[in-house]
Amino acid sequence: METPRRKLEHIDVVMNERVEGFADTLLGDVILAHKALPETDLNTVSLTTTFLGKRISAPIMITGMTGGHPNTAEINAGLAMVAENMGIALGVGSQRAAIEDPKLSYTYRVARENAPTIPLIANLGAVQLNKGYWIREAERAVEMLEADALALHLNAAQEAFQPEGDTEFRGLTSKICKLADMLQVPVIVKETGAGLSREDVESLWNCGIRYFDVSGAGGTSWIAVEMYRARRKNNILYSKTAESFLEWGIPTAASIIEARLAAPSATIIGSGGIRRGIDAAKAIALGADIAGLALPALRRLLMGGEKALKDYLGEIIHGLKVAVFLAGCGSPTCLRQTSRIIVKGNLKDWLEARGISWSHYLKVKQQKI
């Protein structure tokens, strides 16, 4: 089948080609003001957070990547074992393959089998709601994992560069909202590397969506992934066009701000180019509740095994903890509400061009209950 084969192609491309860093996350334009007298003890800083009704040890999530081919079951099992051990959240890749062929369900189900207590997020492409998917398919995806939420991913930029892509995105906002109202678990609207705008989030917030994963530009580019696939198939039209769009998208830092401005009390996952603890800290200080990452976790697991992934996540969590401490905070909540944050350069220009007052935004991001 085409879908499982494409899953393996994607893994091969992201492991062997340059697929990240074409755009700038603009996290480099964010400065957390140092507090020489933090008036706390690093050893007492707690990163414990509640997400989807469950306690996690740190506001970190491995976002959805794979599943749907027999060779991917071991990957999801490894990611799940490490996430469970570290006490962080985990998402799986699109479950379309298992909806089309239930025999592939185990490639996703292994995640819950190896991670019985953490928040686990199911995943379907939102565009499939225009292809006949509805509550039955959504419930199957959730039941497959005993998931705590369902991510509906938006990947218009990726689909536009697939010859086999689904690009019928008309009417999706209302369908997403209707489905979310019917489903027994929360729906997370998730981009896939091109970011969510203020307008995107506002329209979804107004009809009841309360969880967003911005997945901004600057991390893995699925346009680049499709460019390499097109090159391998000697499809010059798609490869050349994709090459001119490699910087497309809303930078992660800007997308977090726009999302929080549109939905002050939403739960926001800040992902897209999060590679270090300081990146996670900046994402949270800008207004995210959770910092998410995908490709670096996959690469650590496949190149070095579960220990390498655990060590890497340990570095991120420790870096985040130190940043919380040096910002004079004792928790991620304090960091997310801090006003001791400066924006400069292209991020500042972005906000001015979009008519966003930084001083006003600092007040908005402190409103979340």
Protein backbone atom coordinates (compact mmCIF):
# COMPACT_ATOMS: atom_id res chain seq x y z
CA MET A 1 0.00 0.00 0.00
CA GLU A 2 1.11 3.57 -0.74
CA THR A 3 0.71 4.98 2.78
CA PRO A 4 3.00 2.47 4.60
CA ARG A 5 5.63 2.77 1.87
CA ARG A 6 5.59 6.56 2.20
CA LYS A 7 6.16 6.19 5.97
CA LEU A 8 9.45 4.41 5.33
CA GLU A 9 10.48 6.91 2.67
CA HIS A 10 9.95 9.75 5.15
CA ILE A 11 12.12 8.07 7.78
CA ASP A 12 14.87 7.41 5.27
CA VAL A 13 14.83 11.02 4.09
CA VAL A 14 14.90 12.62 7.54
CA MET A 15 17.70 10.32 8.65
CA ASN A 16 19.90 10.86 5.61
CA GLU A 17 19.20 14.33 4.23
CA ARG A 18 19.32 17.87 5.51
CA VAL A 19 15.70 18.61 6.34
CA GLU A 20 15.91 21.26 9.07
CA GLY A 21 17.13 24.79 9.64
CA PHE A 22 16.14 26.35 6.31
CA ALA A 23 14.02 28.94 8.10
CA ASP A 24 14.87 30.67 11.38
CA THR A 25 12.85 29.84 14.49
CA LEU A 26 13.62 33.40 15.72
CA LEU A 27 14.22 31.96 19.19
CA GLY A 28 17.66 33.56 18.84
CA ASP A 29 15.91 36.93 18.99
CA VAL A 30 14.58 36.13 22.48
CA ILE A 31 16.58 37.07 25.58
CA LEU A 32 15.67 35.98 29.10
CA ALA A 33 16.92 38.62 31.51
CA HIS A 34 19.41 37.09 33.92
CA LYS A 35 18.61 37.34 37.63
CA ALA A 36 21.84 37.45 39.63
CA LEU A 37 19.83 37.04 42.83
CA PRO A 38 17.29 34.37 41.86
CA GLU A 39 16.24 33.98 45.51
CA THR A 40 15.67 30.28 45.03
CA ASP A 41 17.69 27.07 44.99
CA LEU A 42 18.29 25.15 41.77
CA ASN A 43 17.73 21.95 43.72
CA THR A 44 14.21 23.03 44.67
CA VAL A 45 13.14 24.02 41.14
CA SER A 46 10.31 21.70 40.07
CA LEU A 47 9.41 21.20 36.42
CA THR A 48 6.41 19.02 37.24
CA THR A 49 3.44 19.98 35.08
CA THR A 50 -0.12 18.82 34.46
CA PHE A 51 -0.95 18.05 30.84
CA LEU A 52 -4.19 16.44 29.62
CA GLY A 53 -5.10 15.71 33.22
CA LYS A 54 -1.90 13.82 33.98
CA ARG A 55 1.22 14.84 35.89
CA ILE A 56 4.45 14.84 33.90
CA SER A 57 7.94 15.41 35.24
CA ALA A 58 8.73 18.25 32.83
CA PRO A 59 6.82 20.29 30.23
CA ILE A 60 8.39 18.35 27.38
CA MET A 61 6.73 16.29 24.66
CA ILE A 62 8.06 14.06 21.90
CA THR A 63 5.66 15.04 19.15
CA GLY A 64 4.14 12.66 16.62
CA MET A 65 6.39 11.13 13.99
CA THR A 66 5.77 7.62 12.76
CA GLY A 67 3.93 4.30 12.68
CA GLY A 68 2.02 2.49 9.96
CA HIS A 69 4.69 0.12 8.67
CA PRO A 70 5.97 -3.04 10.38
CA ASN A 71 9.44 -1.49 10.61
CA THR A 72 8.12 1.46 12.63
CA ALA A 73 6.71 -0.54 15.54
CA GLU A 74 10.13 -0.81 17.18
CA ILE A 75 10.61 2.95 16.83
CA ASN A 76 7.33 3.78 18.58
CA ALA A 77 8.08 1.20 21.27
CA GLY A 78 11.50 2.76 21.92
CA LEU A 79 10.17 6.31 22.01
CA ALA A 80 7.41 5.20 24.37
CA MET A 81 9.73 3.37 26.78
CA VAL A 82 11.98 6.40 27.09
CA ALA A 83 9.08 8.85 27.41
CA GLU A 84 7.54 6.69 30.15
CA ASN A 85 10.87 6.44 31.94
CA MET A 86 11.42 10.20 31.74
CA GLY A 87 7.82 11.02 32.62
CA ILE A 88 7.10 13.19 29.56
CA ALA A 89 4.32 13.28 26.96
CA LEU A 90 4.38 11.45 23.62
CA GLY A 91 2.56 11.64 20.31
CA VAL A 92 2.50 9.14 17.46
CA GLY A 93 2.53 9.77 13.73
CA SER A 94 -0.54 9.84 11.51
CA GLN A 95 -2.66 6.72 12.05
CA ARG A 96 -4.18 6.80 8.58
CA ALA A 97 -2.25 3.67 7.61
CA ALA A 98 -3.88 1.69 10.43
CA ILE A 99 -7.32 3.06 9.62
CA GLU A 100 -6.82 1.81 6.05
CA ASP A 101 -5.33 -1.50 7.21
CA PRO A 102 -6.17 -2.48 10.82
CA LYS A 103 -3.41 -5.11 10.76
CA LEU A 104 -0.98 -2.19 11.17
CA SER A 105 -2.62 -0.98 14.38
CA TYR A 106 0.02 -2.67 16.50
CA THR A 107 2.70 -0.32 15.11
CA TYR A 108 0.96 2.43 17.06
CA ARG A 109 -0.51 0.42 19.94
CA VAL A 110 2.99 -0.51 21.12
CA ALA A 111 3.28 3.08 22.33
CA ARG A 112 0.62 2.60 25.01
CA GLU A 113 1.87 -0.89 25.82
CA ASN A 114 5.26 0.60 26.65
CA ALA A 115 3.99 3.84 28.16
CA PRO A 116 1.00 3.05 30.36
CA THR A 117 0.92 6.22 32.48
CA ILE A 118 2.03 9.23 30.42
CA PRO A 119 -0.14 11.48 28.23
CA LEU A 120 -0.32 9.84 24.81
CA ILE A 121 -1.66 11.66 21.76
CA ALA A 122 -3.29 9.98 18.76
CA ASN A 123 -2.92 11.56 15.31
CA LEU A 124 -4.88 11.95 12.08
CA GLY A 125 -4.56 14.36 9.18
CA ALA A 126 -7.26 17.03 9.38
CA VAL A 127 -7.61 16.97 5.58
CA GLN A 128 -8.95 13.41 5.88
CA LEU A 129 -12.16 14.93 7.23
CA ASN A 130 -12.74 15.96 3.61
CA LYS A 131 -12.02 12.40 2.46
CA GLY A 132 -14.73 10.59 4.40
CA TYR A 133 -13.12 10.38 7.85
CA TRP A 134 -15.40 11.30 10.72
CA ILE A 135 -16.19 10.33 14.30
CA ARG A 136 -15.81 6.58 13.67
CA GLU A 137 -12.26 6.96 12.38
CA ALA A 138 -11.37 9.48 15.08
CA GLU A 139 -12.61 7.15 17.81
CA ARG A 140 -10.69 4.24 16.28
CA ALA A 141 -7.49 6.28 16.37
CA VAL A 142 -8.04 7.17 20.02
CA GLU A 143 -9.06 3.64 21.06
CA MET A 144 -6.04 2.18 19.28
CA LEU A 145 -3.77 3.91 21.80
CA GLU A 146 -6.13 4.52 24.72
CA ALA A 147 -5.05 8.06 23.90
CA ASP A 148 -5.57 11.11 26.08
CA ALA A 149 -6.13 13.40 23.09
CA LEU A 150 -6.34 13.37 19.31
CA ALA A 151 -4.06 15.60 17.25
CA LEU A 152 -5.53 16.70 13.94
CA HIS A 153 -2.54 17.79 11.93
CA LEU A 154 -2.48 20.51 9.30
CA ASN A 155 0.07 19.90 6.58
CA ALA A 156 -1.07 21.94 3.59
CA ALA A 157 2.52 22.97 2.83
CA GLN A 158 3.65 19.34 2.71
CA GLU A 159 0.68 18.09 0.73
CA ALA A 160 1.18 20.82 -1.88
CA PHE A 161 4.53 19.28 -2.83
CA GLN A 162 3.36 15.66 -3.00
CA PRO A 163 2.16 14.50 -6.41
CA GLU A 164 -0.16 12.22 -4.44
CA GLY A 165 -0.99 14.95 -1.90
CA ASP A 166 -4.45 15.73 -0.51
CA THR A 167 -4.97 19.48 -0.88
CA GLU A 168 -8.73 19.83 -0.34
CA PHE A 169 -8.66 22.03 2.76
CA ARG A 170 -11.97 23.83 2.17
CA GLY A 171 -14.43 23.84 5.06
CA LEU A 172 -12.02 22.19 7.51
CA THR A 173 -12.38 24.71 10.33
CA SER A 174 -16.05 23.91 10.93
CA LYS A 175 -15.46 20.17 10.52
CA ILE A 176 -12.61 20.18 13.04
CA CYS A 177 -14.78 22.00 15.54
CA LYS A 178 -17.79 19.73 15.03
CA LEU A 179 -15.66 16.63 15.42
CA ALA A 180 -14.02 18.01 18.56
CA ASP A 181 -17.45 18.59 20.06
CA MET A 182 -18.38 14.94 19.45
CA LEU A 183 -15.14 13.31 20.62
CA GLN A 184 -14.69 12.23 24.24
CA VAL A 185 -11.06 13.39 24.43
CA PRO A 186 -9.61 16.82 23.60
CA VAL A 187 -8.58 17.67 20.06
CA ILE A 188 -5.17 19.25 19.54
CA VAL A 189 -4.85 21.19 16.29
CA LYS A 190 -1.26 20.72 15.18
CA GLU A 191 0.74 22.27 12.37
CA THR A 192 3.62 20.32 10.86
CA GLY A 193 6.46 22.79 10.46
CA ALA A 194 4.89 25.91 8.96
CA GLY A 195 3.36 27.45 12.09
CA LEU A 196 -0.07 28.62 13.23
CA SER A 197 -1.07 32.24 12.76
CA ARG A 198 -3.15 34.42 15.06
CA GLU A 199 -6.04 34.13 12.59
CA ASP A 200 -5.80 30.31 12.47
CA VAL A 201 -5.92 30.01 16.22
CA GLU A 202 -8.60 32.63 16.72
CA SER A 203 -11.05 30.93 14.35
CA LEU A 204 -10.50 27.56 16.03
CA TRP A 205 -10.58 28.99 19.55
CA ASN A 206 -13.89 30.69 18.81
CA CYS A 207 -15.51 27.35 17.98
CA GLY A 208 -14.17 25.50 21.00
CA ILE A 209 -10.65 24.20 20.31
CA ARG A 210 -8.52 24.58 23.42
CA TYR A 211 -5.24 22.84 22.51
CA PHE A 212 -2.75 23.92 19.84
CA ASP A 213 0.67 22.72 18.69
CA VAL A 214 2.20 25.58 16.69
CA SER A 215 5.00 23.51 15.04
CA GLY A 216 6.62 26.61 13.63
CA ALA A 217 9.16 27.11 10.87
CA GLY A 218 12.82 26.56 11.67
CA GLY A 219 12.74 22.92 12.64
CA THR A 220 12.06 20.00 10.33
CA SER A 221 10.75 21.14 6.96
CA TRP A 222 8.30 18.71 5.40
CA ILE A 223 8.58 20.75 2.23
CA ALA A 224 12.26 19.71 2.21
CA VAL A 225 11.29 16.10 2.87
CA GLU A 226 9.00 16.13 -0.16
CA MET A 227 11.67 17.91 -2.21
CA TYR A 228 14.05 15.02 -1.63
CA ARG A 229 11.34 12.46 -2.40
CA ALA A 230 10.64 14.28 -5.66
CA ARG A 231 14.34 14.36 -6.55
CA ARG A 232 14.62 10.62 -5.98
CA LYS A 233 11.71 10.09 -8.35
CA ASN A 234 13.17 12.56 -10.86
CA ASN A 235 10.09 14.78 -10.54
CA ILE A 236 11.67 18.09 -11.55
CA LEU A 237 8.47 20.15 -11.29
CA TYR A 238 7.85 19.29 -7.63
CA SER A 239 11.50 19.25 -6.54
CA LYS A 240 12.33 22.64 -8.05
CA THR A 241 9.16 24.30 -6.78
CA ALA A 242 9.68 22.87 -3.30
CA GLU A 243 13.25 24.17 -3.30
CA SER A 244 11.95 27.74 -3.66
CA PHE A 245 9.64 27.30 -0.64
CA LEU A 246 12.16 25.95 1.89
CA GLU A 247 11.95 29.10 4.05
CA TRP A 248 8.15 29.14 4.00
CA GLY A 249 6.26 29.38 7.28
CA ILE A 250 5.73 31.31 10.49
CA PRO A 251 8.82 31.12 12.72
CA THR A 252 8.30 29.19 15.93
CA ALA A 253 8.83 32.18 18.25
CA ALA A 254 6.37 34.32 16.30
CA SER A 255 3.81 31.51 16.10
CA ILE A 256 3.82 30.97 19.87
CA ILE A 257 3.17 34.67 20.41
CA GLU A 258 0.41 34.79 17.79
CA ALA A 259 -1.26 31.68 19.21
CA ARG A 260 -1.18 32.94 22.79
CA LEU A 261 -2.47 36.35 21.73
CA ALA A 262 -5.44 34.73 19.98
CA ALA A 263 -6.16 32.25 22.78
CA PRO A 264 -4.91 33.56 26.14
CA SER A 265 -6.17 30.56 28.15
CA ALA A 266 -5.44 27.79 25.64
CA THR A 267 -2.90 25.02 26.18
CA ILE A 268 -0.12 25.65 23.67
CA ILE A 269 2.64 23.28 22.62
CA GLY A 270 5.64 25.22 21.35
CA SER A 271 7.43 23.07 18.80
CA GLY A 272 9.52 23.59 15.69
CA GLY A 273 13.29 23.67 16.05
CA ILE A 274 13.41 22.99 19.79
CA ARG A 275 16.82 21.37 20.16
CA ARG A 276 18.18 22.43 23.59
CA GLY A 277 16.91 23.18 27.05
CA ILE A 278 17.34 26.91 26.48
CA ASP A 279 15.12 26.62 23.38
CA ALA A 280 12.43 24.98 25.48
CA ALA A 281 12.81 27.69 28.12
CA LYS A 282 12.41 30.46 25.54
CA ALA A 283 9.34 28.77 24.05
CA ILE A 284 7.73 28.60 27.49
CA ALA A 285 8.73 32.16 28.41
CA LEU A 286 7.12 33.33 25.17
CA GLY A 287 3.85 31.71 26.19
CA ALA A 288 3.91 27.97 25.48
CA ASP A 289 2.83 25.49 28.16
CA ILE A 290 4.77 22.55 26.74
CA ALA A 291 7.87 22.41 24.53
CA GLY A 292 7.81 19.77 21.80
CA LEU A 293 10.47 18.13 19.65
CA ALA A 294 10.55 15.27 17.17
CA LEU A 295 13.41 14.78 14.71
CA PRO A 296 16.29 14.98 17.22
CA ALA A 297 14.55 12.35 19.37
CA LEU A 298 14.17 10.04 16.37
CA ARG A 299 17.79 10.48 15.36
CA ARG A 300 19.10 9.81 18.88
CA LEU A 301 17.01 6.67 19.14
CA LEU A 302 17.94 5.24 15.74
CA MET A 303 21.63 6.12 15.97
CA GLY A 304 22.32 5.43 19.63
CA GLY A 305 19.40 3.50 21.07
CA GLU A 306 17.23 4.23 24.07
CA LYS A 307 20.16 5.29 26.26
CA ALA A 308 21.23 7.96 23.77
CA LEU A 309 17.68 9.30 23.62
CA LYS A 310 17.36 9.28 27.40
CA ASP A 311 20.67 11.12 27.79
CA TYR A 312 19.61 13.73 25.22
CA LEU A 313 16.26 14.36 26.88
CA GLY A 314 18.05 14.57 30.22
CA GLU A 315 20.21 17.35 28.82
CA ILE A 316 17.16 19.24 27.58
CA ILE A 317 15.35 18.90 30.90
CA HIS A 318 18.42 19.97 32.88
CA GLY A 319 18.94 22.97 30.59
CA LEU A 320 15.32 23.98 31.04
CA LYS A 321 15.64 23.65 34.81
CA VAL A 322 18.74 25.85 34.87
CA ALA A 323 16.99 28.49 32.73
CA VAL A 324 14.02 28.52 35.11
CA PHE A 325 16.44 29.02 38.01
CA LEU A 326 18.47 31.78 36.33
CA ALA A 327 15.27 33.62 35.42
CA GLY A 328 14.47 33.78 39.13
CA CYS A 329 11.66 31.23 38.96
CA GLY A 330 10.85 28.00 40.73
CA SER A 331 8.49 26.50 38.16
CA PRO A 332 7.57 26.54 34.46
CA THR A 333 4.40 28.45 35.32
CA CYS A 334 6.47 31.29 36.72
CA LEU A 335 8.67 31.25 33.62
CA ARG A 336 5.67 31.36 31.30
CA GLN A 337 4.31 34.40 33.13
CA THR A 338 7.60 36.30 33.38
CA SER A 339 7.86 39.80 31.95
CA ARG A 340 11.67 39.63 32.14
CA ILE A 341 11.95 38.79 28.47
CA ILE A 342 13.28 40.88 25.62
CA VAL A 343 12.69 40.49 21.89
CA LYS A 344 14.95 41.95 19.25
CA GLY A 345 15.90 41.76 15.57
CA ASN A 346 13.65 39.95 13.12
CA LEU A 347 11.21 38.83 15.80
CA LYS A 348 10.68 42.41 16.89
CA ASP A 349 10.20 43.39 13.24
CA TRP A 350 7.70 40.57 12.79
CA LEU A 351 5.62 41.75 15.75
CA GLU A 352 5.64 45.34 14.51
CA ALA A 353 4.62 44.26 11.01
CA ARG A 354 1.76 42.22 12.47
CA GLY A 355 0.61 45.09 14.69
CA ILE A 356 1.44 43.29 17.94
CA SER A 357 2.44 45.49 20.87
CA TRP A 358 5.05 43.72 22.98
CA SER A 359 4.02 45.50 26.18
CA HIS A 360 0.39 44.53 25.57
CA TYR A 361 1.36 40.96 24.79
CA LEU A 362 3.28 40.60 28.06
CA LYS A 363 0.01 41.38 29.86
CA VAL A 364 -1.99 38.96 27.70
CA LYS A 365 0.30 36.01 28.32
CA GLN A 366 -0.04 36.46 32.08
CA GLN A 367 -3.83 36.10 31.91
CA LYS A 368 -4.00 32.31 31.71
CA ILE A 369 -5.62 30.77 34.75
